């Protein structure tokens, strides 16, 4: 039975319940940054493995990008695959789960190694991958996994979920800023400063208070880490959207905010297309109309 403490869109909740009843050998949780992919992966694994704290379960293995690396290296994948040679106790159909957090960060070699493991899965082992998009991993990997999409939650769902815990105005503001992404919404309300996208939202708010020179200095730092820069652009777009919603009816400011939002969207696409981050940072600093 799904945990009601987990804020999920109704469609996502139904799909998650189906997974728990009959887990496939590979599941791909698809959702934008801040949608709550890791929280859902941990919950599903806990239910399947029968563990209250899955992060301490001996047969719950996690792969994630090391902080000092640009990707998940093949050696890390090989280490996990080596552990799969060990037998697992018990009689359940799935007794071990490998969670690959942000699987799009797998290096090319690592994806190839994972593909081979998915083609010949161990009978007692299931894989859970989290990705922002199915297209962010090799098509051959995506084709071997069932997908579960984390849809945005509605304002009504958020208000019902947090009723009595936070003021309705705070819930509405956090929902608008998060655009219904459950993980970020929860982090904003709980002031979870360790949440990466929450940190980026705070940075974006501070950025908008700076003058152009200060913005240039900040963007120069951010552009040195492509993943962090992408999170910042995502957060900046959310902050601008929230500001636009708050200024409905104020024509001139609305137009400038709309153009700024379009600029951020264009720059996100440029970053995804491997345009030099420093060029994107310069364009943002010069053309942002707020």
C-alpha atoms as a PDB file:
ATOM      1  CA  UNK A   1       0.000   0.000   0.000  1.00  0.00           C
ATOM      2  CA  UNK A   2       1.407   3.396  -0.989  1.00  0.00           C
ATOM      3  CA  UNK A   3       2.614   5.709   1.782  1.00  0.00           C
ATOM      4  CA  UNK A   4       0.274   8.696   2.022  1.00  0.00           C
ATOM      5  CA  UNK A   5       3.154  10.740   3.456  1.00  0.00           C
ATOM      6  CA  UNK A   6       4.691  10.770  -0.020  1.00  0.00           C
ATOM      7  CA  UNK A   7       3.288  13.644  -2.083  1.00  0.00           C
ATOM      8  CA  UNK A   8       2.498  12.251  -5.535  1.00  0.00           C
ATOM      9  CA  UNK A   9       0.260  13.067  -8.440  1.00  0.00           C
ATOM     10  CA  UNK A  10      -2.678  10.631  -8.516  1.00  0.00           C
ATOM     11  CA  UNK A  11      -1.506   9.012 -11.775  1.00  0.00           C
ATOM     12  CA  UNK A  12       2.005   8.549 -10.420  1.00  0.00           C
ATOM     13  CA  UNK A  13       0.619   7.022  -7.216  1.00  0.00           C
ATOM     14  CA  UNK A  14      -1.355   4.419  -9.173  1.00  0.00           C
ATOM     15  CA  UNK A  15       1.687   3.489 -11.290  1.00  0.00           C
ATOM     16  CA  UNK A  16       3.862   3.207  -8.180  1.00  0.00           C
ATOM     17  CA  UNK A  17       1.345   0.880  -6.538  1.00  0.00           C
ATOM     18  CA  UNK A  18       1.400  -1.369  -9.604  1.00  0.00           C
ATOM     19  CA  UNK A  19       5.204  -1.510  -9.471  1.00  0.00           C
ATOM     20  CA  UNK A  20       5.209  -2.587  -5.824  1.00  0.00           C
ATOM     21  CA  UNK A  21       2.844  -5.471  -6.536  1.00  0.00           C
ATOM     22  CA  UNK A  22       4.894  -6.815  -9.431  1.00  0.00           C
ATOM     23  CA  UNK A  23       8.292  -5.141  -9.837  1.00  0.00           C
ATOM     24  CA  UNK A  24       9.924  -5.563 -13.271  1.00  0.00           C
ATOM     25  CA  UNK A  25      13.648  -6.267 -13.533  1.00  0.00           C
ATOM     26  CA  UNK A  26      14.258  -2.620 -14.494  1.00  0.00           C
ATOM     27  CA  UNK A  27      12.299   0.568 -13.769  1.00  0.00           C
ATOM     28  CA  UNK A  28      13.083   4.054 -15.036  1.00  0.00           C
ATOM     29  CA  UNK A  29      11.671   6.894 -12.910  1.00  0.00           C
ATOM     30  CA  UNK A  30      11.306   9.896 -15.205  1.00  0.00           C
ATOM     31  CA  UNK A  31      10.974  13.405 -13.818  1.00  0.00           C
ATOM     32  CA  UNK A  32      12.435  16.883 -13.996  1.00  0.00           C
ATOM     33  CA  UNK A  33      14.915  18.065 -11.333  1.00  0.00           C
ATOM     34  CA  UNK A  34      13.115  18.556  -8.038  1.00  0.00           C
ATOM     35  CA  UNK A  35      10.227  16.230  -8.874  1.00  0.00           C
ATOM     36  CA  UNK A  36      11.134  13.775  -6.092  1.00  0.00           C
ATOM     37  CA  UNK A  37      12.693  10.894  -8.048  1.00  0.00           C
ATOM     38  CA  UNK A  38      15.102   9.800  -5.325  1.00  0.00           C
ATOM     39  CA  UNK A  39      12.446   9.867  -2.591  1.00  0.00           C
ATOM     40  CA  UNK A  40      10.155   7.722  -4.729  1.00  0.00           C
ATOM     41  CA  UNK A  41      12.970   5.298  -5.606  1.00  0.00           C
ATOM     42  CA  UNK A  42      13.802   4.847  -1.920  1.00  0.00           C
ATOM     43  CA  UNK A  43      10.168   4.268  -1.044  1.00  0.00           C
ATOM     44  CA  UNK A  44       9.586   1.708  -3.804  1.00  0.00           C
ATOM     45  CA  UNK A  45      12.766  -0.150  -2.877  1.00  0.00           C
ATOM     46  CA  UNK A  46      11.787  -0.158   0.805  1.00  0.00           C
ATOM     47  CA  UNK A  47       8.393  -1.636  -0.028  1.00  0.00           C
ATOM     48  CA  UNK A  48       9.806  -4.339  -2.295  1.00  0.00           C
ATOM     49  CA  UNK A  49      12.631  -5.274   0.076  1.00  0.00           C
ATOM     50  CA  UNK A  50      10.476  -4.979   3.208  1.00  0.00           C
ATOM     51  CA  UNK A  51      12.775  -2.462   4.883  1.00  0.00           C
ATOM     52  CA  UNK A  52      11.925   0.537   7.053  1.00  0.00           C
ATOM     53  CA  UNK A  53      15.244   2.243   6.212  1.00  0.00           C
ATOM     54  CA  UNK A  54      16.282   1.060   2.788  1.00  0.00           C
ATOM     55  CA  UNK A  55      19.479   3.146   2.771  1.00  0.00           C
ATOM     56  CA  UNK A  56      20.915   0.817   5.428  1.00  0.00           C
ATOM     57  CA  UNK A  57      19.655  -2.383   3.787  1.00  0.00           C
ATOM     58  CA  UNK A  58      22.576  -4.667   2.832  1.00  0.00           C
ATOM     59  CA  UNK A  59      21.075  -5.470  -0.569  1.00  0.00           C
ATOM     60  CA  UNK A  60      20.148  -1.958  -1.617  1.00  0.00           C
ATOM     61  CA  UNK A  61      23.019  -0.697  -3.743  1.00  0.00           C
ATOM     62  CA  UNK A  62      23.279   2.899  -4.961  1.00  0.00           C
ATOM     63  CA  UNK A  63      25.238   4.357  -7.851  1.00  0.00           C
ATOM     64  CA  UNK A  64      25.554   8.125  -8.098  1.00  0.00           C
ATOM     65  CA  UNK A  65      27.965  10.612  -9.626  1.00  0.00           C
ATOM     66  CA  UNK A  66      30.919  11.290  -7.300  1.00  0.00           C
ATOM     67  CA  UNK A  67      31.215  14.951  -6.359  1.00  0.00           C
ATOM     68  CA  UNK A  68      34.699  15.168  -7.851  1.00  0.00           C
ATOM     69  CA  UNK A  69      33.697  13.525 -11.163  1.00  0.00           C
ATOM     70  CA  UNK A  70      31.842  14.735 -14.251  1.00  0.00           C
ATOM     71  CA  UNK A  71      30.083  11.393 -14.665  1.00  0.00           C
ATOM     72  CA  UNK A  72      29.517   7.981 -13.092  1.00  0.00           C
ATOM     73  CA  UNK A  73      32.664   6.085 -14.123  1.00  0.00           C
ATOM     74  CA  UNK A  74      32.664   2.552 -15.458  1.00  0.00           C
ATOM     75  CA  UNK A  75      34.767   1.362 -12.499  1.00  0.00           C
ATOM     76  CA  UNK A  76      31.904   2.232 -10.124  1.00  0.00           C
ATOM     77  CA  UNK A  77      29.492   0.222 -12.268  1.00  0.00           C
ATOM     78  CA  UNK A  78      31.894  -2.720 -12.352  1.00  0.00           C
ATOM     79  CA  UNK A  79      32.184  -2.682  -8.551  1.00  0.00           C
ATOM     80  CA  UNK A  80      28.414  -2.922  -8.186  1.00  0.00           C
ATOM     81  CA  UNK A  81      28.125  -5.643 -10.824  1.00  0.00           C
ATOM     82  CA  UNK A  82      30.837  -7.591  -8.999  1.00  0.00           C
ATOM     83  CA  UNK A  83      28.720  -7.493  -5.822  1.00  0.00           C
ATOM     84  CA  UNK A  84      25.808  -9.021  -7.733  1.00  0.00           C
ATOM     85  CA  UNK A  85      27.728 -12.307  -7.881  1.00  0.00           C
ATOM     86  CA  UNK A  86      26.993 -12.788  -4.193  1.00  0.00           C
ATOM     87  CA  UNK A  87      23.873 -14.770  -3.376  1.00  0.00           C
ATOM     88  CA  UNK A  88      21.026 -13.133  -1.492  1.00  0.00           C
ATOM     89  CA  UNK A  89      19.073 -14.837   1.311  1.00  0.00           C
ATOM     90  CA  UNK A  90      15.300 -15.194   1.350  1.00  0.00           C
ATOM     91  CA  UNK A  91      12.573 -16.419  -0.970  1.00  0.00           C
ATOM     92  CA  UNK A  92      11.176 -13.218  -2.435  1.00  0.00           C
ATOM     93  CA  UNK A  93      11.269 -12.770  -6.194  1.00  0.00           C
ATOM     94  CA  UNK A  94      13.277  -9.536  -5.782  1.00  0.00           C
ATOM     95  CA  UNK A  95      15.771  -9.584  -2.913  1.00  0.00           C
ATOM     96  CA  UNK A  96      18.236  -6.974  -4.110  1.00  0.00           C
ATOM     97  CA  UNK A  97      17.803  -3.578  -5.784  1.00  0.00           C
ATOM     98  CA  UNK A  98      20.371  -1.443  -7.576  1.00  0.00           C
ATOM     99  CA  UNK A  99      19.417   2.237  -7.657  1.00  0.00           C
ATOM    100  CA  UNK A 100      21.231   4.382 -10.232  1.00  0.00           C
ATOM    101  CA  UNK A 101      20.567   7.993  -9.300  1.00  0.00           C
ATOM    102  CA  UNK A 102      20.599  10.370 -12.277  1.00  0.00           C
ATOM    103  CA  UNK A 103      21.490   7.588 -14.689  1.00  0.00           C
ATOM    104  CA  UNK A 104      22.040  10.148 -17.449  1.00  0.00           C
ATOM    105  CA  UNK A 105      25.352  10.872 -15.686  1.00  0.00           C
ATOM    106  CA  UNK A 106      26.672   7.413 -16.588  1.00  0.00           C
ATOM    107  CA  UNK A 107      29.688   7.620 -18.868  1.00  0.00           C
ATOM    108  CA  UNK A 108      29.405   6.009 -22.302  1.00  0.00           C
ATOM    109  CA  UNK A 109      31.387   2.982 -21.146  1.00  0.00           C
ATOM    110  CA  UNK A 110      29.319   2.733 -17.968  1.00  0.00           C
ATOM    111  CA  UNK A 111      26.072   2.742 -19.970  1.00  0.00           C
ATOM    112  CA  UNK A 112      27.389  -0.069 -22.152  1.00  0.00           C
ATOM    113  CA  UNK A 113      28.290  -2.115 -19.072  1.00  0.00           C
ATOM    114  CA  UNK A 114      24.853  -1.493 -17.584  1.00  0.00           C
ATOM    115  CA  UNK A 115      23.178  -2.497 -20.836  1.00  0.00           C
ATOM    116  CA  UNK A 116      24.883  -5.886 -20.714  1.00  0.00           C
ATOM    117  CA  UNK A 117      23.665  -6.370 -17.126  1.00  0.00           C
ATOM    118  CA  UNK A 118      20.097  -5.462 -18.135  1.00  0.00           C
ATOM    119  CA  UNK A 119      20.234  -7.921 -21.019  1.00  0.00           C
ATOM    120  CA  UNK A 120      21.198 -10.724 -18.614  1.00  0.00           C
ATOM    121  CA  UNK A 121      19.582  -9.706 -15.293  1.00  0.00           C
ATOM    122  CA  UNK A 122      20.154 -11.721 -12.139  1.00  0.00           C
ATOM    123  CA  UNK A 123      16.952 -13.489 -11.104  1.00  0.00           C
ATOM    124  CA  UNK A 124      16.889 -11.922  -7.619  1.00  0.00           C
ATOM    125  CA  UNK A 125      17.882  -8.382  -8.631  1.00  0.00           C
ATOM    126  CA  UNK A 126      15.935  -5.376  -9.896  1.00  0.00           C
ATOM    127  CA  UNK A 127      17.233  -2.033 -11.135  1.00  0.00           C
ATOM    128  CA  UNK A 128      15.740   1.411 -10.547  1.00  0.00           C
ATOM    129  CA  UNK A 129      17.098   4.283 -12.629  1.00  0.00           C
ATOM    130  CA  UNK A 130      16.184   7.949 -12.256  1.00  0.00           C
ATOM    131  CA  UNK A 131      16.436  10.250 -15.280  1.00  0.00           C
ATOM    132  CA  UNK A 132      15.100  13.662 -16.331  1.00  0.00           C
ATOM    133  CA  UNK A 133      14.039  12.232 -19.699  1.00  0.00           C
ATOM    134  CA  UNK A 134      13.920   8.838 -21.387  1.00  0.00           C
ATOM    135  CA  UNK A 135      16.046  10.349 -24.160  1.00  0.00           C
ATOM    136  CA  UNK A 136      18.853  11.114 -21.702  1.00  0.00           C
ATOM    137  CA  UNK A 137      20.134   7.512 -21.779  1.00  0.00           C
ATOM    138  CA  UNK A 138      20.860   5.084 -24.596  1.00  0.00           C
ATOM    139  CA  UNK A 139      17.674   3.955 -26.401  1.00  0.00           C
ATOM    140  CA  UNK A 140      18.738   0.349 -25.817  1.00  0.00           C
ATOM    141  CA  UNK A 141      18.737   0.958 -22.051  1.00  0.00           C
ATOM    142  CA  UNK A 142      15.396   2.780 -22.118  1.00  0.00           C
ATOM    143  CA  UNK A 143      13.827  -0.058 -24.123  1.00  0.00           C
ATOM    144  CA  UNK A 144      14.753  -2.588 -21.427  1.00  0.00           C
ATOM    145  CA  UNK A 145      13.102  -0.712 -18.575  1.00  0.00           C
ATOM    146  CA  UNK A 146       9.528   0.118 -17.714  1.00  0.00           C
ATOM    147  CA  UNK A 147       9.020   3.839 -17.213  1.00  0.00           C
ATOM    148  CA  UNK A 148       7.208   5.606 -14.392  1.00  0.00           C
ATOM    149  CA  UNK A 149       6.647   9.331 -14.841  1.00  0.00           C
ATOM    150  CA  UNK A 150       6.559  11.748 -11.925  1.00  0.00           C
ATOM    151  CA  UNK A 151       3.794  14.122 -12.987  1.00  0.00           C
ATOM    152  CA  UNK A 152       3.525  17.527 -11.259  1.00  0.00           C
ATOM    153  CA  UNK A 153       1.137  17.655  -8.325  1.00  0.00           C
ATOM    154  CA  UNK A 154      -1.830  20.009  -8.457  1.00  0.00           C
ATOM    155  CA  UNK A 155      -2.353  22.894  -6.058  1.00  0.00           C
ATOM    156  CA  UNK A 156      -5.348  21.068  -4.570  1.00  0.00           C
ATOM    157  CA  UNK A 157      -3.260  17.947  -3.953  1.00  0.00           C
ATOM    158  CA  UNK A 158      -0.559  20.042  -2.281  1.00  0.00           C
ATOM    159  CA  UNK A 159      -3.047  21.897  -0.099  1.00  0.00           C
ATOM    160  CA  UNK A 160      -4.697  18.656   1.013  1.00  0.00           C
ATOM    161  CA  UNK A 161      -1.352  16.971   1.661  1.00  0.00           C
ATOM    162  CA  UNK A 162       0.049  19.812   3.796  1.00  0.00           C
ATOM    163  CA  UNK A 163      -3.232  20.935   5.396  1.00  0.00           C
ATOM    164  CA  UNK A 164      -2.671  21.913   9.019  1.00  0.00           C
ATOM    165  CA  UNK A 165       1.112  21.767   8.685  1.00  0.00           C
ATOM    166  CA  UNK A 166       1.716  25.006   6.787  1.00  0.00           C
ATOM    167  CA  UNK A 167      -0.412  28.108   6.079  1.00  0.00           C
ATOM    168  CA  UNK A 168      -2.407  27.871   2.846  1.00  0.00           C
ATOM    169  CA  UNK A 169      -0.662  30.987   1.518  1.00  0.00           C
ATOM    170  CA  UNK A 170       2.765  29.396   2.071  1.00  0.00           C
ATOM    171  CA  UNK A 171       1.644  26.206   0.311  1.00  0.00           C
ATOM    172  CA  UNK A 172       0.364  28.181  -2.668  1.00  0.00           C
ATOM    173  CA  UNK A 173       3.562  30.231  -2.940  1.00  0.00           C
ATOM    174  CA  UNK A 174       5.761  27.114  -2.740  1.00  0.00           C
ATOM    175  CA  UNK A 175       3.586  25.292  -5.271  1.00  0.00           C
ATOM    176  CA  UNK A 176       3.825  28.188  -7.733  1.00  0.00           C
ATOM    177  CA  UNK A 177       7.590  28.432  -7.319  1.00  0.00           C
ATOM    178  CA  UNK A 178       8.118  24.660  -7.624  1.00  0.00           C
ATOM    179  CA  UNK A 179       5.647  24.402 -10.532  1.00  0.00           C
ATOM    180  CA  UNK A 180       4.220  21.320  -8.860  1.00  0.00           C
ATOM    181  CA  UNK A 181       7.478  19.385  -8.516  1.00  0.00           C
ATOM    182  CA  UNK A 182       6.924  17.440  -5.317  1.00  0.00           C
ATOM    183  CA  UNK A 183      10.510  17.191  -4.111  1.00  0.00           C
ATOM    184  CA  UNK A 184      11.215  20.897  -4.501  1.00  0.00           C
ATOM    185  CA  UNK A 185       7.819  21.822  -3.061  1.00  0.00           C
ATOM    186  CA  UNK A 186       8.568  19.821   0.070  1.00  0.00           C
ATOM    187  CA  UNK A 187      12.053  21.320   0.317  1.00  0.00           C
ATOM    188  CA  UNK A 188      10.738  24.878  -0.021  1.00  0.00           C
ATOM    189  CA  UNK A 189       8.111  24.414   2.679  1.00  0.00           C
ATOM    190  CA  UNK A 190      10.490  22.608   5.015  1.00  0.00           C
ATOM    191  CA  UNK A 191      13.363  24.983   4.231  1.00  0.00           C
ATOM    192  CA  UNK A 192      15.551  21.986   3.397  1.00  0.00           C
ATOM    193  CA  UNK A 193      18.755  23.873   2.668  1.00  0.00           C
ATOM    194  CA  UNK A 194      20.582  20.716   1.528  1.00  0.00           C
ATOM    195  CA  UNK A 195      18.243  20.187  -1.449  1.00  0.00           C
ATOM    196  CA  UNK A 196      20.280  21.095  -4.600  1.00  0.00           C
ATOM    197  CA  UNK A 197      17.410  22.785  -6.432  1.00  0.00           C
ATOM    198  CA  UNK A 198      16.315  24.613  -3.271  1.00  0.00           C
ATOM    199  CA  UNK A 199      19.869  25.950  -3.013  1.00  0.00           C
ATOM    200  CA  UNK A 200      19.654  27.046  -6.647  1.00  0.00           C
ATOM    201  CA  UNK A 201      16.316  28.788  -6.029  1.00  0.00           C
ATOM    202  CA  UNK A 202      17.886  30.722  -3.151  1.00  0.00           C
ATOM    203  CA  UNK A 203      20.859  31.581  -5.396  1.00  0.00           C
ATOM    204  CA  UNK A 204      18.528  32.777  -8.159  1.00  0.00           C
ATOM    205  CA  UNK A 205      16.646  35.055  -5.760  1.00  0.00           C
ATOM    206  CA  UNK A 206      19.923  36.512  -4.511  1.00  0.00           C
ATOM    207  CA  UNK A 207      21.187  36.877  -8.096  1.00  0.00           C
ATOM    208  CA  UNK A 208      18.226  39.068  -9.039  1.00  0.00           C
ATOM    209  CA  UNK A 209      19.101  41.459  -6.205  1.00  0.00           C
ATOM    210  CA  UNK A 210      22.593  42.066  -7.641  1.00  0.00           C
ATOM    211  CA  UNK A 211      23.676  44.716 -10.122  1.00  0.00           C
ATOM    212  CA  UNK A 212      25.083  43.702 -13.520  1.00  0.00           C
ATOM    213  CA  UNK A 213      28.696  43.617 -12.341  1.00  0.00           C
ATOM    214  CA  UNK A 214      27.878  41.348  -9.385  1.00  0.00           C
ATOM    215  CA  UNK A 215      25.808  39.153 -11.689  1.00  0.00           C
ATOM    216  CA  UNK A 216      28.743  38.753 -14.054  1.00  0.00           C
ATOM    217  CA  UNK A 217      30.994  37.643 -11.206  1.00  0.00           C
ATOM    218  CA  UNK A 218      28.406  35.143  -9.942  1.00  0.00           C
ATOM    219  CA  UNK A 219      27.711  33.755 -13.410  1.00  0.00           C
ATOM    220  CA  UNK A 220      31.425  33.346 -14.087  1.00  0.00           C
ATOM    221  CA  UNK A 221      31.625  31.027 -11.070  1.00  0.00           C
ATOM    222  CA  UNK A 222      28.458  29.118 -11.966  1.00  0.00           C
ATOM    223  CA  UNK A 223      29.482  28.564 -15.592  1.00  0.00           C
ATOM    224  CA  UNK A 224      32.486  26.485 -14.495  1.00  0.00           C
ATOM    225  CA  UNK A 225      30.175  23.631 -13.450  1.00  0.00           C
ATOM    226  CA  UNK A 226      27.731  22.773 -16.235  1.00  0.00           C
ATOM    227  CA  UNK A 227      25.382  20.709 -14.053  1.00  0.00           C
ATOM    228  CA  UNK A 228      25.238  23.376 -11.352  1.00  0.00           C
ATOM    229  CA  UNK A 229      24.715  26.057 -13.999  1.00  0.00           C
ATOM    230  CA  UNK A 230      21.833  24.080 -15.484  1.00  0.00           C
ATOM    231  CA  UNK A 231      20.198  23.814 -12.049  1.00  0.00           C
ATOM    232  CA  UNK A 232      20.631  27.559 -11.596  1.00  0.00           C
ATOM    233  CA  UNK A 233      18.949  28.315 -14.950  1.00  0.00           C
ATOM    234  CA  UNK A 234      16.100  25.966 -14.045  1.00  0.00           C
ATOM    235  CA  UNK A 235      15.667  27.710 -10.688  1.00  0.00           C
ATOM    236  CA  UNK A 236      15.918  31.166 -12.249  1.00  0.00           C
ATOM    237  CA  UNK A 237      13.128  30.273 -14.655  1.00  0.00           C
ATOM    238  CA  UNK A 238      10.941  29.225 -11.715  1.00  0.00           C
ATOM    239  CA  UNK A 239      11.632  32.426  -9.787  1.00  0.00           C
ATOM    240  CA  UNK A 240      10.825  34.537 -12.847  1.00  0.00           C
ATOM    241  CA  UNK A 241       7.587  32.578 -13.384  1.00  0.00           C
ATOM    242  CA  UNK A 242       6.585  33.164  -9.764  1.00  0.00           C
ATOM    243  CA  UNK A 243       7.337  36.883 -10.102  1.00  0.00           C
ATOM    244  CA  UNK A 244       5.259  37.040 -13.266  1.00  0.00           C
ATOM    245  CA  UNK A 245       2.320  35.396 -11.509  1.00  0.00           C
ATOM    246  CA  UNK A 246       2.636  37.931  -8.695  1.00  0.00           C
ATOM    247  CA  UNK A 247       2.553  40.903 -11.103  1.00  0.00           C
ATOM    248  CA  UNK A 248      -0.523  39.997 -13.143  1.00  0.00           C
ATOM    249  CA  UNK A 249      -2.121  43.193 -14.416  1.00  0.00           C
ATOM    250  CA  UNK A 250       1.109  45.212 -14.376  1.00  0.00           C
ATOM    251  CA  UNK A 251       1.676  45.406 -18.120  1.00  0.00           C
ATOM    252  CA  UNK A 252       5.203  46.771 -18.467  1.00  0.00           C
ATOM    253  CA  UNK A 253       6.750  44.542 -15.810  1.00  0.00           C
ATOM    254  CA  UNK A 254       4.840  41.519 -17.128  1.00  0.00           C
ATOM    255  CA  UNK A 255       6.308  41.996 -20.606  1.00  0.00           C
ATOM    256  CA  UNK A 256       9.853  42.222 -19.285  1.00  0.00           C
ATOM    257  CA  UNK A 257       9.425  39.139 -17.118  1.00  0.00           C
ATOM    258  CA  UNK A 258       7.992  37.196 -20.043  1.00  0.00           C
ATOM    259  CA  UNK A 259      10.948  38.112 -22.258  1.00  0.00           C
ATOM    260  CA  UNK A 260      13.342  37.173 -19.458  1.00  0.00           C
ATOM    261  CA  UNK A 261      11.658  33.784 -19.048  1.00  0.00           C
ATOM    262  CA  UNK A 262      11.957  33.154 -22.782  1.00  0.00           C
ATOM    263  CA  UNK A 263      15.624  34.106 -22.638  1.00  0.00           C
ATOM    264  CA  UNK A 264      16.286  31.621 -19.828  1.00  0.00           C
ATOM    265  CA  UNK A 265      14.462  28.859 -21.730  1.00  0.00           C
ATOM    266  CA  UNK A 266      16.545  29.580 -24.846  1.00  0.00           C
ATOM    267  CA  UNK A 267      19.758  29.521 -22.831  1.00  0.00           C
ATOM    268  CA  UNK A 268      18.816  26.199 -21.214  1.00  0.00           C
ATOM    269  CA  UNK A 269      18.350  24.742 -24.693  1.00  0.00           C
ATOM    270  CA  UNK A 270      21.695  26.198 -25.765  1.00  0.00           C
ATOM    271  CA  UNK A 271      23.409  24.651 -22.735  1.00  0.00           C
ATOM    272  CA  UNK A 272      21.840  21.281 -23.538  1.00  0.00           C
ATOM    273  CA  UNK A 273      23.191  21.643 -27.084  1.00  0.00           C
ATOM    274  CA  UNK A 274      26.705  22.079 -25.627  1.00  0.00           C
ATOM    275  CA  UNK A 275      27.084  25.804 -26.253  1.00  0.00           C
ATOM    276  CA  UNK A 276      29.975  27.143 -24.146  1.00  0.00           C
ATOM    277  CA  UNK A 277      28.617  27.902 -20.633  1.00  0.00           C
ATOM    278  CA  UNK A 278      30.620  31.139 -20.390  1.00  0.00           C
ATOM    279  CA  UNK A 279      28.977  32.484 -23.556  1.00  0.00           C
ATOM    280  CA  UNK A 280      25.564  31.602 -22.136  1.00  0.00           C
ATOM    281  CA  UNK A 281      26.458  33.303 -18.842  1.00  0.00           C
ATOM    282  CA  UNK A 282      27.505  36.476 -20.672  1.00  0.00           C
ATOM    283  CA  UNK A 283      24.296  36.579 -22.710  1.00  0.00           C
ATOM    284  CA  UNK A 284      22.210  36.097 -19.574  1.00  0.00           C
ATOM    285  CA  UNK A 285      23.981  38.927 -17.769  1.00  0.00           C
ATOM    286  CA  UNK A 286      23.593  41.335 -20.692  1.00  0.00           C
ATOM    287  CA  UNK A 287      20.049  40.531 -21.833  1.00  0.00           C
ATOM    288  CA  UNK A 288      18.101  39.739 -18.657  1.00  0.00           C
ATOM    289  CA  UNK A 289      15.439  42.460 -18.319  1.00  0.00           C
ATOM    290  CA  UNK A 290      15.001  42.478 -14.575  1.00  0.00           C
END
